N, C-alpha and C. Protein backbone atom coordinates (compact mmCIF):
# COMPACT_ATOMS: atom_id res chain seq x y z
N MET A 1 -94.78 -35.41 110.08
CA MET A 1 -93.84 -36.14 109.48
C MET A 1 -92.50 -35.29 109.93
N PRO A 2 -91.39 -36.20 110.30
CA PRO A 2 -90.08 -35.59 110.48
C PRO A 2 -89.57 -35.42 109.52
N ARG A 3 -88.97 -33.96 109.41
CA ARG A 3 -88.12 -33.14 108.70
C ARG A 3 -86.71 -34.10 108.35
N LYS A 4 -86.44 -33.62 106.93
CA LYS A 4 -85.17 -34.22 106.21
C LYS A 4 -84.28 -33.50 106.90
N ARG A 5 -82.87 -34.08 106.98
CA ARG A 5 -81.81 -33.22 107.76
C ARG A 5 -81.26 -33.26 106.22
N ALA A 6 -80.49 -32.27 105.94
CA ALA A 6 -79.73 -31.77 104.91
C ALA A 6 -78.37 -32.14 104.87
N VAL A 7 -77.96 -33.16 104.30
CA VAL A 7 -76.63 -33.43 104.39
C VAL A 7 -75.51 -32.84 103.17
N THR A 8 -74.58 -32.59 104.02
CA THR A 8 -73.28 -31.58 103.31
C THR A 8 -72.38 -32.81 102.99
N ARG A 9 -72.26 -32.46 101.75
CA ARG A 9 -71.23 -33.24 100.98
C ARG A 9 -69.78 -32.21 100.65
N TYR A 10 -68.89 -33.02 101.07
CA TYR A 10 -67.56 -32.03 100.98
C TYR A 10 -66.69 -32.70 99.76
N VAL A 11 -66.56 -32.36 98.50
CA VAL A 11 -65.77 -32.65 97.28
C VAL A 11 -64.21 -32.19 97.55
N THR A 12 -63.78 -33.21 97.72
CA THR A 12 -62.29 -32.87 97.50
C THR A 12 -61.81 -33.24 96.06
N ARG A 13 -60.91 -32.26 95.80
CA ARG A 13 -60.19 -32.37 94.60
C ARG A 13 -58.69 -32.59 94.64
N ALA A 14 -58.16 -33.62 94.03
CA ALA A 14 -56.75 -33.19 93.97
C ALA A 14 -56.14 -32.37 93.29
N ARG A 15 -55.01 -31.84 93.95
CA ARG A 15 -54.30 -30.26 93.32
C ARG A 15 -53.25 -30.94 92.64
N ARG A 16 -53.25 -30.41 91.22
CA ARG A 16 -52.46 -30.72 90.18
C ARG A 16 -51.32 -29.85 89.57
N ALA A 17 -50.29 -30.19 90.26
CA ALA A 17 -49.23 -29.09 89.74
C ALA A 17 -48.96 -28.79 88.08
N VAL A 18 -49.29 -28.29 87.61
CA VAL A 18 -49.05 -27.76 86.28
C VAL A 18 -47.55 -27.12 85.85
N SER A 19 -46.94 -27.45 85.03
CA SER A 19 -45.69 -26.93 84.87
C SER A 19 -45.54 -26.75 83.22
N ARG A 20 -45.30 -25.49 82.86
CA ARG A 20 -45.36 -24.87 81.50
C ARG A 20 -44.15 -24.77 81.17
N GLN A 21 -43.28 -25.23 80.24
CA GLN A 21 -41.99 -24.50 79.89
C GLN A 21 -42.22 -23.71 78.43
N SER A 22 -41.39 -22.70 78.63
CA SER A 22 -41.31 -21.79 77.30
C SER A 22 -40.87 -22.17 75.70
N GLY A 23 -41.02 -22.09 74.92
CA GLY A 23 -40.83 -22.85 73.74
C GLY A 23 -39.41 -23.28 73.59
N THR A 24 -38.45 -22.51 74.09
CA THR A 24 -37.19 -22.66 73.98
C THR A 24 -36.62 -23.58 74.82
N ALA A 25 -37.38 -23.65 76.16
CA ALA A 25 -36.74 -24.34 77.25
C ALA A 25 -36.58 -25.82 76.72
N GLY A 26 -38.06 -26.35 76.23
CA GLY A 26 -38.04 -27.46 75.96
C GLY A 26 -37.18 -27.96 74.69
N ILE A 27 -36.75 -27.05 73.99
CA ILE A 27 -35.98 -27.73 72.78
C ILE A 27 -34.55 -27.59 73.21
N VAL A 28 -33.76 -26.70 74.36
CA VAL A 28 -32.82 -26.80 75.02
C VAL A 28 -32.52 -27.85 76.00
N ASN A 29 -33.69 -28.32 76.55
CA ASN A 29 -33.44 -29.65 77.67
C ASN A 29 -33.61 -30.77 76.32
N ASN A 30 -34.31 -30.96 75.14
CA ASN A 30 -34.02 -32.15 74.53
C ASN A 30 -32.37 -31.89 73.93
N LEU A 31 -32.02 -30.72 73.67
CA LEU A 31 -30.44 -30.95 72.66
C LEU A 31 -29.61 -31.12 73.88
N LEU A 32 -29.81 -30.71 74.93
CA LEU A 32 -28.77 -30.89 76.17
C LEU A 32 -29.01 -32.70 76.51
N ALA A 33 -30.14 -33.07 76.55
CA ALA A 33 -30.22 -34.77 76.62
C ALA A 33 -29.54 -35.53 75.53
N GLY A 34 -29.71 -34.79 74.51
CA GLY A 34 -29.43 -35.83 73.13
C GLY A 34 -27.34 -35.64 73.18
N ALA A 35 -26.85 -33.97 73.46
CA ALA A 35 -25.74 -34.18 73.72
C ALA A 35 -25.08 -35.16 74.67
N VAL A 36 -25.58 -35.11 75.77
CA VAL A 36 -25.36 -35.97 76.81
C VAL A 36 -25.26 -37.42 76.37
N ALA A 37 -26.30 -38.03 75.80
CA ALA A 37 -26.22 -39.35 75.18
C ALA A 37 -25.41 -39.58 73.98
N GLY A 38 -24.99 -38.40 73.43
CA GLY A 38 -24.01 -38.49 72.08
C GLY A 38 -22.52 -38.96 72.49
N VAL A 39 -22.07 -38.17 73.60
CA VAL A 39 -20.93 -38.46 74.43
C VAL A 39 -20.88 -39.54 75.12
N ALA A 40 -21.85 -39.89 75.97
CA ALA A 40 -21.71 -41.38 77.08
C ALA A 40 -21.91 -42.47 76.01
N ALA A 41 -22.55 -42.45 75.00
CA ALA A 41 -22.41 -43.77 74.35
C ALA A 41 -21.22 -44.54 73.87
N PRO A 42 -20.32 -43.55 73.00
CA PRO A 42 -19.06 -44.14 72.49
C PRO A 42 -18.20 -44.74 73.65
N PHE A 43 -18.49 -43.64 74.61
CA PHE A 43 -17.46 -44.16 76.09
C PHE A 43 -18.04 -45.39 76.82
N ALA A 44 -19.35 -45.69 76.46
CA ALA A 44 -19.88 -47.15 77.19
C ALA A 44 -19.65 -48.34 76.02
N ARG A 45 -19.51 -47.72 74.90
CA ARG A 45 -19.44 -49.00 74.12
C ARG A 45 -17.76 -49.82 74.20
N ASN A 46 -17.07 -49.33 74.98
CA ASN A 46 -15.62 -50.16 75.51
C ASN A 46 -16.12 -50.80 76.73
N ILE A 47 -16.99 -50.72 77.33
CA ILE A 47 -17.68 -51.45 78.69
C ILE A 47 -18.15 -52.72 78.12
N HIS A 48 -19.37 -52.49 77.47
CA HIS A 48 -20.08 -53.86 76.90
C HIS A 48 -20.58 -53.28 75.52
N PRO A 49 -20.72 -54.27 74.65
CA PRO A 49 -21.48 -53.70 73.08
C PRO A 49 -22.91 -53.41 73.27
N LEU A 50 -23.39 -53.87 74.62
CA LEU A 50 -25.02 -53.74 74.63
C LEU A 50 -25.04 -51.94 75.62
N ALA A 51 -23.81 -51.41 76.26
CA ALA A 51 -24.01 -50.53 76.96
C ALA A 51 -24.21 -48.99 76.38
N PRO A 52 -24.08 -49.03 75.18
CA PRO A 52 -24.50 -47.50 74.42
C PRO A 52 -26.28 -47.41 74.30
N GLY A 53 -26.69 -48.55 73.93
CA GLY A 53 -28.21 -48.54 74.11
C GLY A 53 -28.66 -48.26 75.70
N ALA A 54 -28.40 -48.94 76.66
CA ALA A 54 -28.61 -48.71 77.89
C ALA A 54 -28.16 -47.33 78.24
N ALA A 55 -27.06 -46.52 77.73
CA ALA A 55 -26.94 -45.41 78.58
C ALA A 55 -27.90 -44.21 77.69
N TYR A 56 -28.28 -44.52 76.29
CA TYR A 56 -29.17 -44.03 75.82
C TYR A 56 -30.71 -44.18 76.68
N ALA A 57 -30.98 -45.24 76.67
CA ALA A 57 -32.13 -45.25 77.58
C ALA A 57 -32.28 -44.88 78.79
N GLY A 58 -31.24 -44.88 79.60
CA GLY A 58 -30.73 -44.35 81.14
C GLY A 58 -31.27 -42.80 81.01
N ILE A 59 -30.21 -42.07 80.07
CA ILE A 59 -30.46 -40.79 79.95
C ILE A 59 -31.63 -40.51 79.56
N GLY A 60 -32.39 -40.97 78.78
CA GLY A 60 -33.74 -40.51 78.48
C GLY A 60 -34.59 -40.72 79.70
N TRP A 61 -34.41 -41.85 80.55
CA TRP A 61 -35.47 -42.08 81.63
C TRP A 61 -34.95 -41.00 82.87
N PHE A 62 -34.15 -40.62 82.94
CA PHE A 62 -33.35 -39.37 83.66
C PHE A 62 -34.13 -38.05 83.26
N MET A 63 -33.70 -37.97 82.22
CA MET A 63 -34.25 -36.64 81.29
C MET A 63 -35.89 -36.66 81.05
N ARG A 64 -36.44 -37.44 81.19
CA ARG A 64 -37.71 -37.67 81.01
C ARG A 64 -37.89 -37.15 79.44
N ASN A 65 -36.92 -38.02 78.45
CA ASN A 65 -36.99 -37.85 77.10
C ASN A 65 -37.58 -39.07 76.69
N PRO A 66 -38.56 -39.05 76.15
CA PRO A 66 -39.11 -40.53 75.56
C PRO A 66 -38.68 -41.09 73.94
N THR A 67 -37.95 -39.77 73.43
CA THR A 67 -37.26 -40.01 72.31
C THR A 67 -36.11 -40.89 72.59
N LEU A 68 -35.15 -40.29 73.71
CA LEU A 68 -34.09 -41.32 73.74
C LEU A 68 -34.22 -42.76 74.17
N GLN A 69 -35.20 -42.63 75.19
CA GLN A 69 -35.71 -44.08 75.56
C GLN A 69 -36.17 -44.79 74.60
N THR A 70 -36.98 -44.20 73.32
CA THR A 70 -36.95 -45.16 72.40
C THR A 70 -35.77 -45.73 71.59
N LEU A 71 -34.77 -44.50 71.43
CA LEU A 71 -33.58 -44.69 70.71
C LEU A 71 -32.91 -46.08 71.58
N GLY A 72 -32.97 -45.65 72.93
CA GLY A 72 -32.26 -46.71 73.98
C GLY A 72 -32.65 -48.43 73.50
N GLY A 73 -33.93 -48.17 73.60
CA GLY A 73 -34.79 -49.71 73.44
C GLY A 73 -34.72 -50.14 72.12
N LEU A 74 -34.29 -49.22 71.13
CA LEU A 74 -34.13 -49.97 69.78
C LEU A 74 -32.80 -50.39 69.81
N SER A 75 -31.82 -49.72 70.05
CA SER A 75 -30.19 -50.03 70.00
C SER A 75 -30.23 -51.21 70.88
N LEU A 76 -30.98 -51.43 72.13
CA LEU A 76 -30.76 -52.50 72.96
C LEU A 76 -31.53 -53.77 72.07
N ALA A 77 -32.52 -53.71 71.60
CA ALA A 77 -32.85 -54.79 70.98
C ALA A 77 -32.28 -55.20 69.93
N GLN A 78 -31.66 -54.45 68.85
CA GLN A 78 -30.45 -54.63 67.77
C GLN A 78 -29.41 -55.56 68.43
N GLY A 79 -29.19 -55.11 69.40
CA GLY A 79 -27.57 -55.92 69.97
C GLY A 79 -28.08 -57.29 70.55
N LEU A 80 -29.24 -57.06 70.90
CA LEU A 80 -29.84 -58.52 71.59
C LEU A 80 -29.76 -59.42 70.57
N VAL A 81 -30.64 -58.94 69.58
CA VAL A 81 -30.46 -59.71 68.13
C VAL A 81 -29.41 -60.03 67.49
N GLY A 82 -28.73 -59.12 67.38
CA GLY A 82 -27.19 -59.75 66.86
C GLY A 82 -26.67 -60.43 67.70
N SER A 83 -26.73 -60.61 68.96
CA SER A 83 -25.82 -61.12 69.61
C SER A 83 -26.48 -63.01 69.62
N LEU A 84 -28.05 -62.94 69.23
CA LEU A 84 -28.45 -64.37 69.82
C LEU A 84 -28.80 -64.53 68.10
N SER A 85 -28.45 -64.10 66.86
CA SER A 85 -28.55 -64.64 65.96
C SER A 85 -26.55 -65.12 65.62
N GLY A 86 -25.83 -64.67 66.15
CA GLY A 86 -24.43 -65.09 66.29
C GLY A 86 -23.56 -64.64 64.75
N SER A 87 -24.16 -63.32 64.49
CA SER A 87 -23.84 -62.41 63.14
C SER A 87 -22.47 -61.76 63.95
N GLY A 88 -22.49 -61.74 65.11
CA GLY A 88 -21.10 -60.91 65.75
C GLY A 88 -21.21 -59.60 66.05
N THR A 89 -22.00 -58.70 65.11
CA THR A 89 -22.58 -57.38 65.29
C THR A 89 -23.56 -57.34 66.34
N THR A 90 -22.93 -56.44 66.98
CA THR A 90 -24.36 -56.25 68.05
C THR A 90 -24.38 -54.41 67.97
N ALA A 91 -23.70 -53.77 66.93
CA ALA A 91 -23.84 -52.57 67.05
C ALA A 91 -24.87 -52.16 66.03
N PRO A 92 -25.40 -51.21 66.26
CA PRO A 92 -26.83 -50.72 64.89
C PRO A 92 -26.12 -50.29 63.79
N SER A 93 -26.56 -50.89 62.78
CA SER A 93 -26.31 -50.90 61.45
C SER A 93 -26.63 -49.63 60.58
N GLY A 94 -27.16 -48.99 61.27
CA GLY A 94 -27.77 -47.69 60.60
C GLY A 94 -29.30 -48.05 60.35
N GLY A 95 -29.89 -47.62 59.41
CA GLY A 95 -31.28 -47.47 59.27
C GLY A 95 -32.17 -46.42 58.91
N TRP A 96 -33.26 -46.08 59.38
CA TRP A 96 -34.16 -45.06 59.30
C TRP A 96 -34.10 -44.14 60.05
N TYR A 97 -32.98 -44.26 61.34
CA TYR A 97 -33.05 -43.06 62.05
C TYR A 97 -31.72 -42.10 61.80
């Protein structure tokens, strides 16, 4: 009987970079993102009524902050509903946030 040849399998695993932030670094980044969005949104309102929502969403996207992305989407949706309903108000009217 012929001998079976040993088959060598090479398993490759993807290298994953793990970035860990210290407790204060994440808080400072979130505060910085919120401050930048808070300053940019009023200036954007003079350009277009939907621009503050786009500013929140854009800054959240660039700074990888899902909270700002959510607030931007909420503001854009409220502005679109306000403009489609014909109420004339495109600014968020307050609420739970």
